[in-house]
N, C-alpha and C. Protein backbone atom coordinates (compact mmCIF):
# COMPACT_ATOMS: atom_id res chain seq x y z
N MET A 1 80.52 145.65 43.11
CA MET A 1 80.27 145.92 44.03
C MET A 1 78.77 145.68 44.04
N GLN A 2 78.27 145.33 45.10
CA GLN A 2 77.00 144.80 45.87
C GLN A 2 76.13 145.85 46.02
N VAL A 3 75.60 146.75 45.01
CA VAL A 3 74.89 148.10 45.05
C VAL A 3 73.44 147.51 45.29
N ILE A 4 72.61 148.21 46.22
CA ILE A 4 71.24 147.98 46.18
C ILE A 4 70.09 148.70 45.88
N TRP A 5 69.47 148.93 44.84
CA TRP A 5 68.26 149.60 44.72
C TRP A 5 67.24 149.84 45.58
N ASN A 6 66.93 150.91 46.15
CA ASN A 6 65.84 150.75 47.39
C ASN A 6 64.88 151.59 46.81
N LYS A 7 63.69 150.72 46.22
CA LYS A 7 62.25 151.38 45.38
C LYS A 7 61.86 152.74 46.19
N GLN A 8 61.99 152.11 47.54
CA GLN A 8 61.13 153.18 48.66
C GLN A 8 61.37 154.34 48.47
N THR A 9 62.97 154.92 48.63
CA THR A 9 63.66 155.82 48.74
C THR A 9 64.27 156.16 47.76
N LYS A 10 64.29 155.33 46.75
CA LYS A 10 64.82 155.39 44.97
C LYS A 10 66.45 156.37 45.68
N ARG A 11 67.14 155.38 45.97
CA ARG A 11 68.69 155.45 46.52
C ARG A 11 69.36 154.54 46.30
N LYS A 12 70.60 154.27 45.87
CA LYS A 12 71.38 153.28 46.02
C LYS A 12 72.02 153.23 47.38
N TYR A 13 72.45 151.68 47.55
CA TYR A 13 72.95 151.77 48.86
C TYR A 13 73.80 150.41 48.47
N LEU A 14 75.09 150.49 49.39
CA LEU A 14 76.06 149.49 49.36
C LEU A 14 76.37 148.58 50.75
N VAL A 15 76.60 147.62 50.62
CA VAL A 15 76.45 146.89 51.75
C VAL A 15 78.01 147.21 52.39
N LEU A 16 77.91 147.17 53.59
CA LEU A 16 78.65 147.15 54.76
C LEU A 16 79.07 146.11 55.69
N GLN A 17 80.19 145.41 56.29
CA GLN A 17 79.58 144.57 57.41
C GLN A 17 80.26 144.97 58.32
N PHE A 18 79.39 145.18 59.17
CA PHE A 18 79.67 145.45 60.84
C PHE A 18 79.63 144.10 61.80
N ILE A 19 79.86 143.96 62.95
CA ILE A 19 80.23 143.41 63.68
C ILE A 19 78.98 143.33 64.62
N ASP A 20 78.38 141.73 64.66
CA ASP A 20 77.06 141.55 65.49
C ASP A 20 77.17 141.77 66.70
N ALA A 21 76.13 141.97 67.50
CA ALA A 21 75.89 142.53 69.13
C ALA A 21 76.74 141.73 69.84
N ASN A 22 77.10 140.15 69.53
CA ASN A 22 77.53 139.11 70.40
C ASN A 22 79.30 139.20 69.78
N GLY A 23 79.73 140.06 68.85
CA GLY A 23 81.05 139.47 68.66
C GLY A 23 81.43 138.24 67.75
N GLU A 24 80.26 137.81 67.20
CA GLU A 24 80.60 136.27 67.07
C GLU A 24 80.33 136.05 65.20
N LYS A 25 80.22 137.50 64.61
CA LYS A 25 80.13 137.12 63.01
C LYS A 25 79.76 138.34 63.03
N LEU A 26 79.65 138.74 61.25
CA LEU A 26 79.52 139.84 60.79
C LEU A 26 78.22 139.81 59.79
N ILE A 27 77.50 140.92 60.36
CA ILE A 27 76.21 141.55 59.39
C ILE A 27 76.44 142.61 58.50
N PRO A 28 75.58 141.86 57.63
CA PRO A 28 75.57 142.96 56.31
C PRO A 28 74.37 144.09 56.42
N THR A 29 74.90 145.02 56.27
CA THR A 29 74.43 146.52 56.49
C THR A 29 74.33 147.32 54.98
N GLN A 30 73.00 147.85 54.92
CA GLN A 30 72.89 148.40 53.93
C GLN A 30 73.34 150.29 54.34
N ARG A 31 74.03 150.81 53.66
CA ARG A 31 74.30 152.05 53.72
C ARG A 31 74.56 152.88 52.63
N GLN A 32 73.94 154.28 52.64
CA GLN A 32 74.01 154.89 51.19
C GLN A 32 75.40 155.52 51.28
N ILE A 33 76.16 155.43 50.34
CA ILE A 33 77.76 156.50 50.34
C ILE A 33 77.11 156.80 48.81
N ASN A 34 78.06 157.71 48.59
CA ASN A 34 78.36 158.99 47.30
C ASN A 34 79.46 157.58 46.66
N LEU A 35 79.23 156.94 45.83
CA LEU A 35 80.17 156.23 44.84
C LEU A 35 80.52 157.09 43.76
N ASN A 36 80.16 158.15 43.60
CA ASN A 36 80.54 158.62 42.68
C ASN A 36 81.99 159.63 42.74
N ARG A 37 81.99 159.78 44.02
CA ARG A 37 83.74 159.87 44.41
C ARG A 37 84.72 159.60 43.66
N GLU A 38 85.63 160.63 43.75
CA GLU A 38 86.86 159.81 43.10
C GLU A 38 87.64 158.96 44.23
N ASP A 39 87.31 158.94 45.17
CA ASP A 39 87.92 158.00 46.33
C ASP A 39 87.13 157.00 47.02
N LYS A 40 85.82 156.30 45.91
CA LYS A 40 85.31 155.47 46.72
C LYS A 40 85.52 154.56 47.63
N TYR A 41 86.53 153.83 47.38
CA TYR A 41 87.00 153.04 48.28
C TYR A 41 87.18 153.69 49.41
N LYS A 42 88.32 154.56 50.01
CA LYS A 42 88.33 155.37 51.13
C LYS A 42 87.17 155.90 51.78
N ALA A 43 85.87 156.17 50.74
CA ALA A 43 84.83 156.11 51.36
C ALA A 43 84.12 155.23 52.24
N VAL A 44 84.20 154.37 51.48
CA VAL A 44 83.73 152.62 52.41
C VAL A 44 84.10 152.54 53.67
N VAL A 45 86.01 152.72 53.84
CA VAL A 45 86.79 152.38 54.65
C VAL A 45 85.89 153.75 55.63
N GLN A 46 86.05 154.34 55.68
CA GLN A 46 85.75 155.79 56.24
C GLN A 46 84.21 155.64 57.10
N ALA A 47 83.47 154.86 56.41
CA ALA A 47 81.58 154.42 56.57
C ALA A 47 81.89 153.35 58.06
N LEU A 48 83.14 152.68 57.44
CA LEU A 48 83.34 151.51 58.62
C LEU A 48 83.97 152.05 59.99
N ILE A 49 84.78 153.06 59.81
CA ILE A 49 85.32 153.99 60.80
C ILE A 49 84.13 155.01 61.53
N ASP A 50 83.43 155.34 60.58
CA ASP A 50 82.25 156.15 61.39
C ASP A 50 81.29 155.17 62.58
N GLY A 51 80.99 153.89 61.76
CA GLY A 51 80.67 152.87 62.61
C GLY A 51 79.17 152.65 62.34
N PRO A 52 78.42 151.90 63.05
CA PRO A 52 77.02 151.54 62.88
C PRO A 52 76.16 152.64 63.22
N ILE A 53 75.20 153.14 62.61
CA ILE A 53 74.00 154.23 63.06
C ILE A 53 73.38 153.87 64.12
N SER A 54 73.01 152.49 64.22
CA SER A 54 72.22 151.90 65.50
C SER A 54 72.76 150.53 65.87
N ASP A 55 72.43 150.00 66.89
CA ASP A 55 72.56 148.88 67.62
C ASP A 55 72.28 147.68 66.47
N LYS A 56 70.85 147.84 65.65
CA LYS A 56 70.78 146.89 64.85
C LYS A 56 71.89 146.53 63.93
N GLU A 57 72.62 147.64 63.74
CA GLU A 57 73.45 147.59 62.76
C GLU A 57 74.44 146.58 63.03
N GLY A 58 75.38 146.57 64.53
CA GLY A 58 76.00 145.98 64.88
C GLY A 58 76.81 146.50 66.00
N ILE A 59 77.63 146.40 66.37
CA ILE A 59 78.78 147.37 67.50
C ILE A 59 80.06 147.70 66.78
N TYR A 60 80.37 148.39 67.35
CA TYR A 60 81.74 149.75 67.15
C TYR A 60 82.85 148.59 67.70
N ILE A 61 83.84 148.48 66.73
CA ILE A 61 85.15 147.74 67.10
C ILE A 61 86.37 148.39 66.70
N MET A 62 86.22 149.73 65.82
CA MET A 62 87.68 150.28 65.24
C MET A 62 88.16 151.12 66.44
N PRO A 63 89.28 151.03 66.33
CA PRO A 63 90.46 151.48 67.73
C PRO A 63 90.24 152.90 67.34
N LYS A 64 90.14 153.41 68.96
CA LYS A 64 89.62 154.96 68.71
C LYS A 64 91.28 155.81 68.07
N ASP A 65 90.29 156.82 67.68
CA ASP A 65 91.47 157.59 66.55
C ASP A 65 91.91 157.19 65.40
N THR A 66 91.43 156.07 64.97
CA THR A 66 91.68 155.57 63.51
C THR A 66 91.30 156.46 62.41
N GLN A 67 92.25 156.53 61.55
CA GLN A 67 91.98 157.90 60.47
C GLN A 67 92.39 156.50 59.05
N VAL A 68 91.79 156.72 57.93
CA VAL A 68 92.11 155.91 56.93
C VAL A 68 92.93 156.89 56.09
N LEU A 69 94.18 156.90 55.66
CA LEU A 69 94.77 157.72 54.97
C LEU A 69 94.79 157.32 53.41
N SER A 70 94.73 156.68 53.38
CA SER A 70 94.47 156.40 51.82
C SER A 70 93.88 154.78 51.42
N VAL A 71 93.59 154.60 50.04
CA VAL A 71 93.26 153.11 49.74
C VAL A 71 93.41 153.06 48.09
N LYS A 72 94.21 152.53 47.95
CA LYS A 72 94.65 152.31 46.45
C LYS A 72 94.66 150.76 46.11
N VAL A 73 93.99 150.50 44.78
CA VAL A 73 93.76 149.07 44.25
C VAL A 73 94.85 148.93 43.15
N ASN A 74 95.40 148.03 43.07
CA ASN A 74 96.37 147.56 42.05
C ASN A 74 96.09 146.13 41.72
N ASN A 75 95.99 145.56 40.40
CA ASN A 75 95.68 144.07 40.47
C ASN A 75 95.13 143.65 41.07
N ASN A 76 94.01 143.95 41.48
CA ASN A 76 92.84 143.54 42.57
C ASN A 76 92.65 143.18 43.65
N ILE A 77 94.22 143.96 44.20
CA ILE A 77 94.88 144.58 45.83
C ILE A 77 94.17 145.64 46.04
N ALA A 78 93.39 145.49 47.30
CA ALA A 78 93.50 147.34 47.78
C ALA A 78 94.38 147.10 48.94
N THR A 79 94.90 148.44 48.80
CA THR A 79 96.26 148.38 50.07
C THR A 79 95.08 149.77 51.23
N VAL A 80 95.06 149.34 52.07
CA VAL A 80 94.44 150.40 52.92
C VAL A 80 95.31 150.62 54.00
N ASP A 81 95.43 152.24 53.92
CA ASP A 81 96.71 152.80 54.93
C ASP A 81 96.17 153.21 55.90
N PHE A 82 96.23 152.93 57.03
CA PHE A 82 95.93 153.47 58.08
C PHE A 82 96.91 154.69 59.08
N ASN A 83 96.61 155.52 60.13
CA ASN A 83 97.77 156.10 60.97
C ASN A 83 97.66 155.06 61.85
N LYS A 84 98.73 155.47 62.69
CA LYS A 84 99.22 154.40 63.69
C LYS A 84 98.18 154.24 64.58
N ALA A 85 97.10 154.80 65.20
CA ALA A 85 96.18 154.57 66.25
C ALA A 85 95.37 152.93 65.58
N PHE A 86 95.68 152.77 64.47
CA PHE A 86 94.68 151.83 64.26
C PHE A 86 95.33 150.43 64.77
N LYS A 87 96.77 150.50 64.92
CA LYS A 87 97.41 149.42 65.46
C LYS A 87 97.36 149.88 67.12
N THR A 88 98.12 151.18 67.36
CA THR A 88 98.38 151.02 68.82
C THR A 88 97.24 151.07 69.85
N ASN A 89 96.11 151.34 69.41
CA ASN A 89 94.60 151.97 69.96
C ASN A 89 93.81 150.41 69.70
N PHE A 90 94.44 149.30 69.14
CA PHE A 90 93.64 147.96 69.03
C PHE A 90 93.65 147.54 70.28
N THR A 91 92.71 146.99 70.73
CA THR A 91 92.19 145.92 72.18
C THR A 91 91.40 145.25 71.78
N GLY A 92 90.97 144.34 71.19
CA GLY A 92 90.23 143.36 70.76
C GLY A 92 90.33 142.11 70.91
N GLY A 93 91.52 141.69 71.14
CA GLY A 93 92.39 140.18 71.19
C GLY A 93 92.27 139.39 69.99
N SER A 94 92.16 138.08 69.91
CA SER A 94 91.93 137.30 68.86
C SER A 94 91.12 137.53 67.82
N THR A 95 89.57 137.44 68.67
CA THR A 95 87.89 137.09 68.04
C THR A 95 88.16 139.03 67.37
N GLY A 96 88.87 139.86 68.14
CA GLY A 96 88.25 141.53 67.50
C GLY A 96 88.84 141.22 66.65
N GLU A 97 90.14 141.01 66.25
CA GLU A 97 91.12 141.15 65.34
C GLU A 97 90.80 140.56 64.53
N LEU A 98 90.18 139.24 64.21
CA LEU A 98 89.48 138.76 63.08
C LEU A 98 87.98 139.60 62.37
N MET A 99 87.33 140.02 63.73
CA MET A 99 86.11 140.70 63.15
C MET A 99 86.58 142.02 62.67
N LEU A 100 87.37 142.64 63.02
CA LEU A 100 87.74 144.09 62.69
C LEU A 100 88.24 144.04 60.95
N ILE A 101 89.30 143.06 60.93
CA ILE A 101 89.86 143.07 59.47
C ILE A 101 88.88 141.91 58.58
N GLY A 102 87.83 141.22 59.39
CA GLY A 102 86.96 140.59 58.08
C GLY A 102 86.06 141.62 57.78
N SER A 103 85.90 142.83 58.95
CA SER A 103 84.64 143.66 58.14
C SER A 103 85.06 144.36 57.28
N ILE A 104 86.59 144.98 57.01
CA ILE A 104 87.19 145.82 56.39
C ILE A 104 86.89 144.83 54.96
N VAL A 105 87.64 143.98 54.85
CA VAL A 105 87.96 142.81 53.75
C VAL A 105 86.66 142.73 53.02
N ASN A 106 85.83 142.19 53.71
CA ASN A 106 84.63 141.92 53.41
C ASN A 106 84.01 142.94 52.47
N SER A 107 83.74 144.10 53.34
CA SER A 107 83.12 145.13 52.61
C SER A 107 83.83 145.97 51.13
N LEU A 108 85.30 145.62 51.12
CA LEU A 108 86.00 146.12 50.12
C LEU A 108 85.68 145.03 49.32
N THR A 109 85.83 143.67 49.64
CA THR A 109 85.47 143.08 48.10
C THR A 109 84.29 142.73 47.62
N GLU A 110 83.49 143.42 48.37
CA GLU A 110 82.28 143.79 47.47
C GLU A 110 82.46 144.55 45.95
N PHE A 111 83.56 145.37 46.12
CA PHE A 111 83.81 145.85 44.79
C PHE A 111 84.33 144.49 43.75
N LYS A 112 84.04 144.56 42.70
CA LYS A 112 84.19 143.35 41.92
C LYS A 112 85.62 143.41 41.37
N ASP A 113 86.27 144.65 41.48
CA ASP A 113 87.67 144.98 40.94
C ASP A 113 88.66 144.66 42.18
N ILE A 114 88.43 144.09 43.30
CA ILE A 114 89.47 143.78 44.58
C ILE A 114 88.80 142.59 44.95
N LYS A 115 89.96 141.66 45.05
CA LYS A 115 89.98 140.15 45.53
C LYS A 115 90.41 140.26 46.79
N ALA A 116 91.47 141.15 47.02
CA ALA A 116 92.15 141.16 48.63
C ALA A 116 92.51 142.17 49.19
N VAL A 117 92.76 142.54 50.46
CA VAL A 117 93.16 143.75 51.12
C VAL A 117 94.59 143.55 51.78
N ARG A 118 95.08 144.36 51.53
CA ARG A 118 96.41 144.52 52.14
C ARG A 118 96.61 145.66 53.05
N PHE A 119 97.12 145.44 54.17
CA PHE A 119 97.30 146.59 55.46
C PHE A 119 98.40 147.04 55.63
N THR A 120 98.28 148.74 55.74
CA THR A 120 99.58 149.09 56.18
C THR A 120 99.10 150.05 57.30
N VAL A 121 100.32 151.19 57.74
CA VAL A 121 100.21 151.64 58.82
C VAL A 121 101.40 153.14 58.23
N GLU A 122 100.64 153.78 58.13
CA GLU A 122 101.34 155.43 57.90
C GLU A 122 102.85 154.77 56.78
N GLY A 123 101.94 153.94 55.60
CA GLY A 123 103.05 153.17 54.46
C GLY A 123 103.80 152.08 54.65
N LYS A 124 103.93 151.51 55.92
CA LYS A 124 104.88 150.63 56.57
C LYS A 124 103.69 148.98 56.60
N VAL A 125 104.00 148.15 56.08
CA VAL A 125 103.13 146.70 56.22
C VAL A 125 102.85 146.46 57.66
N LEU A 126 101.58 146.32 57.46
CA LEU A 126 101.41 145.83 58.93
C LEU A 126 101.58 144.23 59.15
N GLU A 127 102.14 143.94 60.22
CA GLU A 127 102.25 142.60 60.20
C GLU A 127 101.17 141.65 61.19
N ALA A 128 100.79 142.43 61.86
CA ALA A 128 99.31 141.69 62.49
C ALA A 128 98.82 142.87 63.60
N LEU A 129 97.68 142.93 63.77
CA LEU A 129 96.93 143.65 65.23
C LEU A 129 97.39 143.22 66.51
N ASP A 130 96.95 141.63 66.55
CA ASP A 130 97.25 140.87 67.92
C ASP A 130 97.63 139.79 67.82
N ASN A 131 98.76 139.68 66.49
CA ASN A 131 99.37 138.98 66.22
C ASN A 131 98.63 137.26 66.29
N HIS A 132 97.55 137.39 65.72
CA HIS A 132 97.01 136.29 65.40
C HIS A 132 96.70 136.23 63.98
N LEU A 133 96.81 137.30 62.81
CA LEU A 133 96.40 137.19 61.50
C LEU A 133 97.88 137.51 61.03
N ASP A 134 98.34 136.83 59.96
CA ASP A 134 99.43 137.07 59.20
C ASP A 134 98.99 138.19 58.33
N LEU A 135 99.67 139.44 58.59
CA LEU A 135 98.73 140.80 57.65
C LEU A 135 99.66 141.34 56.91
N THR A 136 100.82 140.50 57.00
CA THR A 136 102.16 140.46 55.72
C THR A 136 101.58 140.11 54.42
N VAL A 137 100.41 139.58 54.36
CA VAL A 137 99.53 138.54 53.15
C VAL A 137 98.69 139.69 52.66
N PRO A 138 98.39 139.91 51.54
CA PRO A 138 96.91 139.90 51.67
C PRO A 138 95.83 139.28 51.60
N GLN A 139 94.71 139.69 52.51
CA GLN A 139 93.66 139.14 52.85
C GLN A 139 92.61 138.99 52.08
N GLU A 140 92.13 137.77 51.74
CA GLU A 140 91.09 137.65 51.17
C GLU A 140 89.45 137.68 51.73
N ARG A 141 88.61 137.99 51.26
CA ARG A 141 87.00 137.92 51.63
C ARG A 141 87.01 136.36 52.56
N MET A 142 86.18 136.72 53.68
CA MET A 142 86.03 135.72 54.85
C MET A 142 84.73 135.53 55.10
N GLY A 143 84.42 134.08 54.06
CA GLY A 143 82.69 134.57 53.98
C GLY A 143 82.31 133.10 55.04
N ASP A 144 83.01 132.76 55.79
CA ASP A 144 82.98 132.00 57.23
C ASP A 144 82.45 132.98 58.30
N LEU A 145 82.77 134.36 58.26
CA LEU A 145 82.19 135.27 59.13
C LEU A 145 80.95 135.60 59.04
N LEU A 146 80.37 135.34 57.86
CA LEU A 146 78.81 136.06 57.54
C LEU A 146 77.88 135.04 58.09
């Protein structure tokens, strides 16, 4: 996990990836999150759902009413389980799909023990959001979006 020590605030921050105002790339954003929690991975996804704090951090693209149900890591693959709203309320098109998935994948792969992310909706494998990305396979870090 890329954890940044801020000398001024004397606090640790991690890097989340939000979408820039033009919807063309991901921008790294420092956010203070309690990583001592038992479910630190879920805390990261929840921070993405909560969205950017200001316009400077990027834009909000998470589908309305999305909830993260769980995040489990096994063999360097994080499985993120969302409620139905993640799929049914998605309206972003192909670019939005790429940016949303990239935001989640790139934020979670900041952890050294996560190399890829699998997406499920209420326990069932998500095939695609808008039929542009094959989400039946775990998604690796998307460095070209930065």
